[in-house]
PDB file of N, CA and C in Angstrom:
ATOM      1  N   UNK A   1      -0.579  27.043  22.358  1.00  0.00           N
ATOM      2  CA  UNK A   1      -0.954  25.648  22.400  1.00  0.00           C
ATOM      3  C   UNK A   1       0.186  24.872  23.067  1.00  0.00           C
ATOM      4  N   UNK A   2      -0.177  24.039  24.012  1.00  0.00           N
ATOM      5  CA  UNK A   2       0.823  23.280  24.743  1.00  0.00           C
ATOM      6  C   UNK A   2       1.251  22.049  23.942  1.00  0.00           C
ATOM      7  N   UNK A   3       2.303  21.436  24.419  1.00  0.00           N
ATOM      8  CA  UNK A   3       2.821  20.230  23.753  1.00  0.00           C
ATOM      9  C   UNK A   3       1.805  19.086  23.827  1.00  0.00           C
ATOM     10  N   UNK A   4       1.083  18.990  24.935  1.00  0.00           N
ATOM     11  CA  UNK A   4       0.062  17.949  25.073  1.00  0.00           C
ATOM     12  C   UNK A   4      -1.068  18.154  24.068  1.00  0.00           C
ATOM     13  N   UNK A   5      -1.430  19.403  23.814  1.00  0.00           N
ATOM     14  CA  UNK A   5      -2.465  19.689  22.818  1.00  0.00           C
ATOM     15  C   UNK A   5      -2.003  19.313  21.418  1.00  0.00           C
ATOM     16  N   UNK A   6      -0.755  19.604  21.110  1.00  0.00           N
ATOM     17  CA  UNK A   6      -0.214  19.242  19.793  1.00  0.00           C
ATOM     18  C   UNK A   6      -0.193  17.728  19.608  1.00  0.00           C
ATOM     19  N   UNK A   7       0.209  17.029  20.650  1.00  0.00           N
ATOM     20  CA  UNK A   7       0.247  15.575  20.575  1.00  0.00           C
ATOM     21  C   UNK A   7      -1.159  15.006  20.407  1.00  0.00           C
ATOM     22  N   UNK A   8      -2.109  15.546  21.136  1.00  0.00           N
ATOM     23  CA  UNK A   8      -3.492  15.074  21.015  1.00  0.00           C
ATOM     24  C   UNK A   8      -4.040  15.348  19.618  1.00  0.00           C
ATOM     25  N   UNK A   9      -3.736  16.505  19.056  1.00  0.00           N
ATOM     26  CA  UNK A   9      -4.200  16.832  17.708  1.00  0.00           C
ATOM     27  C   UNK A   9      -3.573  15.896  16.676  1.00  0.00           C
ATOM     28  N   UNK A  10      -2.290  15.619  16.834  1.00  0.00           N
ATOM     29  CA  UNK A  10      -1.603  14.725  15.908  1.00  0.00           C
ATOM     30  C   UNK A  10      -2.197  13.311  15.967  1.00  0.00           C
ATOM     31  N   UNK A  11      -2.478  12.856  17.166  1.00  0.00           N
ATOM     32  CA  UNK A  11      -3.066  11.524  17.313  1.00  0.00           C
ATOM     33  C   UNK A  11      -4.476  11.470  16.753  1.00  0.00           C
ATOM     34  N   UNK A  12      -5.236  12.531  16.948  1.00  0.00           N
ATOM     35  CA  UNK A  12      -6.592  12.576  16.394  1.00  0.00           C
ATOM     36  C   UNK A  12      -6.546  12.503  14.871  1.00  0.00           C
ATOM     37  N   UNK A  13      -5.652  13.271  14.261  1.00  0.00           N
ATOM     38  CA  UNK A  13      -5.529  13.239  12.809  1.00  0.00           C
ATOM     39  C   UNK A  13      -5.073  11.876  12.318  1.00  0.00           C
ATOM     40  N   UNK A  14      -4.211  11.224  13.063  1.00  0.00           N
ATOM     41  CA  UNK A  14      -3.765   9.883  12.684  1.00  0.00           C
ATOM     42  C   UNK A  14      -4.920   8.884  12.735  1.00  0.00           C
ATOM     43  N   UNK A  15      -5.729   8.958  13.781  1.00  0.00           N
ATOM     44  CA  UNK A  15      -6.877   8.062  13.883  1.00  0.00           C
ATOM     45  C   UNK A  15      -7.903   8.355  12.792  1.00  0.00           C
ATOM     46  N   UNK A  16      -8.110   9.620  12.488  1.00  0.00           N
ATOM     47  CA  UNK A  16      -9.030   9.986  11.406  1.00  0.00           C
ATOM     48  C   UNK A  16      -8.504   9.515  10.063  1.00  0.00           C
ATOM     49  N   UNK A  17      -7.205   9.583   9.867  1.00  0.00           N
ATOM     50  CA  UNK A  17      -6.597   9.102   8.628  1.00  0.00           C
ATOM     51  C   UNK A  17      -6.764   7.607   8.452  1.00  0.00           C
ATOM     52  N   UNK A  18      -6.654   6.855   9.536  1.00  0.00           N
ATOM     53  CA  UNK A  18      -6.875   5.411   9.464  1.00  0.00           C
ATOM     54  C   UNK A  18      -8.317   5.124   9.056  1.00  0.00           C
ATOM     55  N   UNK A  19      -9.268   5.834   9.644  1.00  0.00           N
ATOM     56  CA  UNK A  19     -10.672   5.637   9.285  1.00  0.00           C
ATOM     57  C   UNK A  19     -10.936   6.022   7.831  1.00  0.00           C
ATOM     58  N   UNK A  20     -10.314   7.094   7.375  1.00  0.00           N
ATOM     59  CA  UNK A  20     -10.486   7.530   5.996  1.00  0.00           C
ATOM     60  C   UNK A  20      -9.902   6.510   5.013  1.00  0.00           C
ATOM     61  N   UNK A  21      -8.731   5.981   5.328  1.00  0.00           N
ATOM     62  CA  UNK A  21      -8.119   4.967   4.463  1.00  0.00           C
ATOM     63  C   UNK A  21      -8.960   3.688   4.437  1.00  0.00           C
ATOM     64  N   UNK A  22      -9.518   3.305   5.578  1.00  0.00           N
ATOM     65  CA  UNK A  22     -10.365   2.117   5.620  1.00  0.00           C
ATOM     66  C   UNK A  22     -11.649   2.333   4.827  1.00  0.00           C
ATOM     67  N   UNK A  23     -12.208   3.515   4.911  1.00  0.00           N
ATOM     68  CA  UNK A  23     -13.410   3.815   4.129  1.00  0.00           C
ATOM     69  C   UNK A  23     -13.111   3.779   2.638  1.00  0.00           C
ATOM     70  N   UNK A  24     -11.945   4.284   2.256  1.00  0.00           N
ATOM     71  CA  UNK A  24     -11.545   4.222   0.851  1.00  0.00           C
ATOM     72  C   UNK A  24     -11.365   2.769   0.404  1.00  0.00           C
ATOM     73  N   UNK A  25     -10.848   1.931   1.277  1.00  0.00           N
ATOM     74  CA  UNK A  25     -10.724   0.506   0.964  1.00  0.00           C
ATOM     75  C   UNK A  25     -12.078  -0.153   0.783  1.00  0.00           C
ATOM     76  N   UNK A  26     -13.039   0.233   1.600  1.00  0.00           N
ATOM     77  CA  UNK A  26     -14.381  -0.329   1.464  1.00  0.00           C
ATOM     78  C   UNK A  26     -15.021   0.107   0.145  1.00  0.00           C
ATOM     79  N   UNK A  27     -14.818   1.356  -0.228  1.00  0.00           N
ATOM     80  CA  UNK A  27     -15.353   1.836  -1.511  1.00  0.00           C
ATOM     81  C   UNK A  27     -14.685   1.099  -2.665  1.00  0.00           C
ATOM     82  N   UNK A  28     -13.394   0.880  -2.572  1.00  0.00           N
ATOM     83  CA  UNK A  28     -12.695   0.118  -3.602  1.00  0.00           C
ATOM     84  C   UNK A  28     -13.254  -1.306  -3.699  1.00  0.00           C
ATOM     85  N   UNK A  29     -13.534  -1.911  -2.553  1.00  0.00           N
ATOM     86  CA  UNK A  29     -14.140  -3.243  -2.554  1.00  0.00           C
ATOM     87  C   UNK A  29     -15.507  -3.243  -3.219  1.00  0.00           C
ATOM     88  N   UNK A  30     -16.288  -2.206  -2.962  1.00  0.00           N
ATOM     89  CA  UNK A  30     -17.594  -2.100  -3.623  1.00  0.00           C
ATOM     90  C   UNK A  30     -17.449  -1.946  -5.132  1.00  0.00           C
ATOM     91  N   UNK A  31     -16.472  -1.160  -5.554  1.00  0.00           N
ATOM     92  CA  UNK A  31     -16.242  -1.004  -6.988  1.00  0.00           C
ATOM     93  C   UNK A  31     -15.811  -2.315  -7.628  1.00  0.00           C
ATOM     94  N   UNK A  32     -14.958  -3.039  -6.960  1.00  0.00           N
ATOM     95  CA  UNK A  32     -14.512  -4.334  -7.490  1.00  0.00           C
ATOM     96  C   UNK A  32     -15.690  -5.289  -7.590  1.00  0.00           C
ATOM     97  N   UNK A  33     -16.514  -5.330  -6.548  1.00  0.00           N
ATOM     98  CA  UNK A  33     -17.672  -6.232  -6.578  1.00  0.00           C
ATOM     99  C   UNK A  33     -18.669  -5.837  -7.654  1.00  0.00           C
ATOM    100  N   UNK A  34     -18.886  -4.554  -7.813  1.00  0.00           N
ATOM    101  CA  UNK A  34     -19.886  -4.086  -8.768  1.00  0.00           C
ATOM    102  C   UNK A  34     -19.490  -4.279 -10.216  1.00  0.00           C
ATOM    103  N   UNK A  35     -18.214  -4.228 -10.507  1.00  0.00           N
ATOM    104  CA  UNK A  35     -17.761  -4.309 -11.888  1.00  0.00           C
ATOM    105  C   UNK A  35     -17.240  -5.692 -12.282  1.00  0.00           C
ATOM    106  N   UNK A  36     -17.218  -6.626 -11.350  1.00  0.00           N
ATOM    107  CA  UNK A  36     -16.612  -7.918 -11.649  1.00  0.00           C
ATOM    108  C   UNK A  36     -17.574  -8.833 -12.399  1.00  0.00           C
ATOM    109  N   UNK A  37     -17.004  -9.629 -13.244  1.00  0.00           N
ATOM    110  CA  UNK A  37     -17.745 -10.646 -13.963  1.00  0.00           C
ATOM    111  C   UNK A  37     -17.448 -12.035 -13.400  1.00  0.00           C
ATOM    112  N   UNK A  38     -16.281 -12.202 -12.832  1.00  0.00           N
ATOM    113  CA  UNK A  38     -15.866 -13.503 -12.305  1.00  0.00           C
ATOM    114  C   UNK A  38     -16.178 -13.596 -10.815  1.00  0.00           C
ATOM    115  N   UNK A  39     -16.420 -14.793 -10.368  1.00  0.00           N
ATOM    116  CA  UNK A  39     -16.739 -15.032  -8.961  1.00  0.00           C
ATOM    117  C   UNK A  39     -15.550 -14.707  -8.068  1.00  0.00           C
ATOM    118  N   UNK A  40     -14.341 -14.968  -8.553  1.00  0.00           N
ATOM    119  CA  UNK A  40     -13.150 -14.718  -7.743  1.00  0.00           C
ATOM    120  C   UNK A  40     -13.006 -13.230  -7.436  1.00  0.00           C
ATOM    121  N   UNK A  41     -13.294 -12.400  -8.410  1.00  0.00           N
ATOM    122  CA  UNK A  41     -13.190 -10.965  -8.185  1.00  0.00           C
ATOM    123  C   UNK A  41     -14.278 -10.475  -7.231  1.00  0.00           C
ATOM    124  N   UNK A  42     -15.449 -11.053  -7.323  1.00  0.00           N
ATOM    125  CA  UNK A  42     -16.513 -10.689  -6.396  1.00  0.00           C
ATOM    126  C   UNK A  42     -16.134 -11.061  -4.967  1.00  0.00           C
ATOM    127  N   UNK A  43     -15.550 -12.226  -4.794  1.00  0.00           N
ATOM    128  CA  UNK A  43     -15.097 -12.633  -3.459  1.00  0.00           C
ATOM    129  C   UNK A  43     -13.966 -11.743  -2.963  1.00  0.00           C
ATOM    130  N   UNK A  44     -13.092 -11.338  -3.857  1.00  0.00           N
ATOM    131  CA  UNK A  44     -12.012 -10.425  -3.475  1.00  0.00           C
ATOM    132  C   UNK A  44     -12.577  -9.087  -2.998  1.00  0.00           C
ATOM    133  N   UNK A  45     -13.556  -8.560  -3.704  1.00  0.00           N
ATOM    134  CA  UNK A  45     -14.192  -7.312  -3.289  1.00  0.00           C
ATOM    135  C   UNK A  45     -14.871  -7.447  -1.941  1.00  0.00           C
ATOM    136  N   UNK A  46     -15.562  -8.564  -1.726  1.00  0.00           N
ATOM    137  CA  UNK A  46     -16.210  -8.796  -0.432  1.00  0.00           C
ATOM    138  C   UNK A  46     -15.211  -8.912   0.699  1.00  0.00           C
ATOM    139  N   UNK A  47     -14.107  -9.587   0.443  1.00  0.00           N
ATOM    140  CA  UNK A  47     -13.068  -9.706   1.464  1.00  0.00           C
ATOM    141  C   UNK A  47     -12.455  -8.350   1.784  1.00  0.00           C
ATOM    142  N   UNK A  48     -12.284  -7.530   0.770  1.00  0.00           N
ATOM    143  CA  UNK A  48     -11.736  -6.192   0.991  1.00  0.00           C
ATOM    144  C   UNK A  48     -12.698  -5.330   1.814  1.00  0.00           C
ATOM    145  N   UNK A  49     -13.977  -5.459   1.560  1.00  0.00           N
ATOM    146  CA  UNK A  49     -14.977  -4.713   2.337  1.00  0.00           C
ATOM    147  C   UNK A  49     -14.952  -5.163   3.795  1.00  0.00           C
ATOM    148  N   UNK A  50     -14.936  -6.465   4.016  1.00  0.00           N
ATOM    149  CA  UNK A  50     -14.919  -6.972   5.393  1.00  0.00           C
ATOM    150  C   UNK A  50     -13.651  -6.566   6.129  1.00  0.00           C
ATOM    151  N   UNK A  51     -12.512  -6.617   5.440  1.00  0.00           N
ATOM    152  CA  UNK A  51     -11.250  -6.217   6.066  1.00  0.00           C
ATOM    153  C   UNK A  51     -11.270  -4.730   6.406  1.00  0.00           C
ATOM    154  N   UNK A  52     -11.827  -3.925   5.531  1.00  0.00           N
ATOM    155  CA  UNK A  52     -11.898  -2.484   5.777  1.00  0.00           C
ATOM    156  C   UNK A  52     -12.803  -2.180   6.966  1.00  0.00           C
ATOM    157  N   UNK A  53     -13.929  -2.854   7.055  1.00  0.00           N
ATOM    158  CA  UNK A  53     -14.822  -2.641   8.192  1.00  0.00           C
ATOM    159  C   UNK A  53     -14.167  -3.067   9.500  1.00  0.00           C
ATOM    160  N   UNK A  54     -13.401  -4.147   9.451  1.00  0.00           N
ATOM    161  CA  UNK A  54     -12.669  -4.608  10.629  1.00  0.00           C
ATOM    162  C   UNK A  54     -11.642  -3.560  11.065  1.00  0.00           C
ATOM    163  N   UNK A  55     -10.919  -3.021  10.101  1.00  0.00           N
ATOM    164  CA  UNK A  55      -9.923  -1.993  10.412  1.00  0.00           C
ATOM    165  C   UNK A  55     -10.590  -0.772  11.019  1.00  0.00           C
ATOM    166  N   UNK A  56     -11.729  -0.366  10.474  1.00  0.00           N
ATOM    167  CA  UNK A  56     -12.433   0.798  11.004  1.00  0.00           C
ATOM    168  C   UNK A  56     -12.912   0.569  12.440  1.00  0.00           C
ATOM    169  N   UNK A  57     -13.232  -0.663  12.775  1.00  0.00           N
ATOM    170  CA  UNK A  57     -13.761  -0.953  14.105  1.00  0.00           C
ATOM    171  C   UNK A  57     -12.670  -1.179  15.144  1.00  0.00           C
ATOM    172  N   UNK A  58     -11.539  -1.752  14.733  1.00  0.00           N
ATOM    173  CA  UNK A  58     -10.555  -2.207  15.708  1.00  0.00           C
ATOM    174  C   UNK A  58      -9.354  -1.282  15.853  1.00  0.00           C
ATOM    175  N   UNK A  59      -8.802  -0.820  14.765  1.00  0.00           N
ATOM    176  CA  UNK A  59      -7.519  -0.117  14.813  1.00  0.00           C
ATOM    177  C   UNK A  59      -7.583   1.202  15.599  1.00  0.00           C
ATOM    178  N   UNK A  60      -8.558   2.083  15.378  1.00  0.00           N
ATOM    179  CA  UNK A  60      -8.559   3.317  16.188  1.00  0.00           C
ATOM    180  C   UNK A  60      -8.703   3.058  17.687  1.00  0.00           C
ATOM    181  N   UNK A  61      -9.491   2.084  18.059  1.00  0.00           N
ATOM    182  CA  UNK A  61      -9.613   1.752  19.491  1.00  0.00           C
ATOM    183  C   UNK A  61      -8.297   1.232  20.048  1.00  0.00           C
ATOM    184  N   UNK A  62      -7.610   0.404  19.265  1.00  0.00           N
ATOM    185  CA  UNK A  62      -6.325  -0.119  19.724  1.00  0.00           C
ATOM    186  C   UNK A  62      -5.298   1.003  19.852  1.00  0.00           C
ATOM    187  N   UNK A  63      -5.324   1.939  18.915  1.00  0.00           N
ATOM    188  CA  UNK A  63      -4.411   3.075  18.998  1.00  0.00           C
ATOM    189  C   UNK A  63      -4.704   3.908  20.243  1.00  0.00           C
ATOM    190  N   UNK A  64      -5.963   4.178  20.511  1.00  0.00           N
ATOM    191  CA  UNK A  64      -6.331   4.961  21.685  1.00  0.00           C
ATOM    192  C   UNK A  64      -5.949   4.238  22.972  1.00  0.00           C
ATOM    193  N   UNK A  65      -6.152   2.930  22.989  1.00  0.00           N
ATOM    194  CA  UNK A  65      -5.796   2.161  24.179  1.00  0.00           C
ATOM    195  C   UNK A  65      -4.285   2.191  24.408  1.00  0.00           C
ATOM    196  N   UNK A  66      -3.526   2.088  23.333  1.00  0.00           N
ATOM    197  CA  UNK A  66      -2.067   2.115  23.455  1.00  0.00           C
ATOM    198  C   UNK A  66      -1.592   3.469  23.962  1.00  0.00           C
ATOM    199  N   UNK A  67      -2.172   4.530  23.461  1.00  0.00           N
ATOM    200  CA  UNK A  67      -1.760   5.866  23.851  1.00  0.00           C
ATOM    201  C   UNK A  67      -2.232   6.232  25.246  1.00  0.00           C
ATOM    202  N   UNK A  68      -3.323   5.626  25.699  1.00  0.00           N
ATOM    203  CA  UNK A  68      -3.854   5.947  27.029  1.00  0.00           C
ATOM    204  C   UNK A  68      -3.036   5.308  28.133  1.00  0.00           C
ATOM    205  N   UNK A  69      -2.475   4.139  27.864  1.00  0.00           N
ATOM    206  CA  UNK A  69      -1.709   3.413  28.868  1.00  0.00           C
ATOM    207  C   UNK A  69      -0.367   4.108  29.109  1.00  0.00           C
ATOM    208  N   UNK A  70      -0.026   4.383  30.366  1.00  0.00           N
ATOM    209  CA  UNK A  70       1.278   5.018  30.611  1.00  0.00           C
ATOM    210  C   UNK A  70       2.422   4.048  30.335  1.00  0.00           C
ATOM    211  N   UNK A  71       3.498   4.588  29.870  1.00  0.00           N
ATOM    212  CA  UNK A  71       4.682   3.761  29.555  1.00  0.00           C
ATOM    213  C   UNK A  71       5.296   3.234  30.849  1.00  0.00           C
ATOM    214  N   UNK A  72       5.816   2.006  30.792  1.00  0.00           N
ATOM    215  CA  UNK A  72       6.428   1.439  32.020  1.00  0.00           C
ATOM    216  C   UNK A  72       7.720   2.105  32.406  1.00  0.00           C
TER     217      UNK A  72
END
């Protein structure tokens, strides 16, 4: 395996880890919303879900874009 293959594998695992962490955050938000009695906790769970979905949509693309661009 070449050095470029190792780097690509490492980056893939990093991007997958970001998606996995964001999915775990969304599940945590669902748990908070489902078990909350107060409105503030429900809003906190909803905000956590929205933030997690945003991270899942934006961060891996930004990482790929950064890695694709050659260094100056």
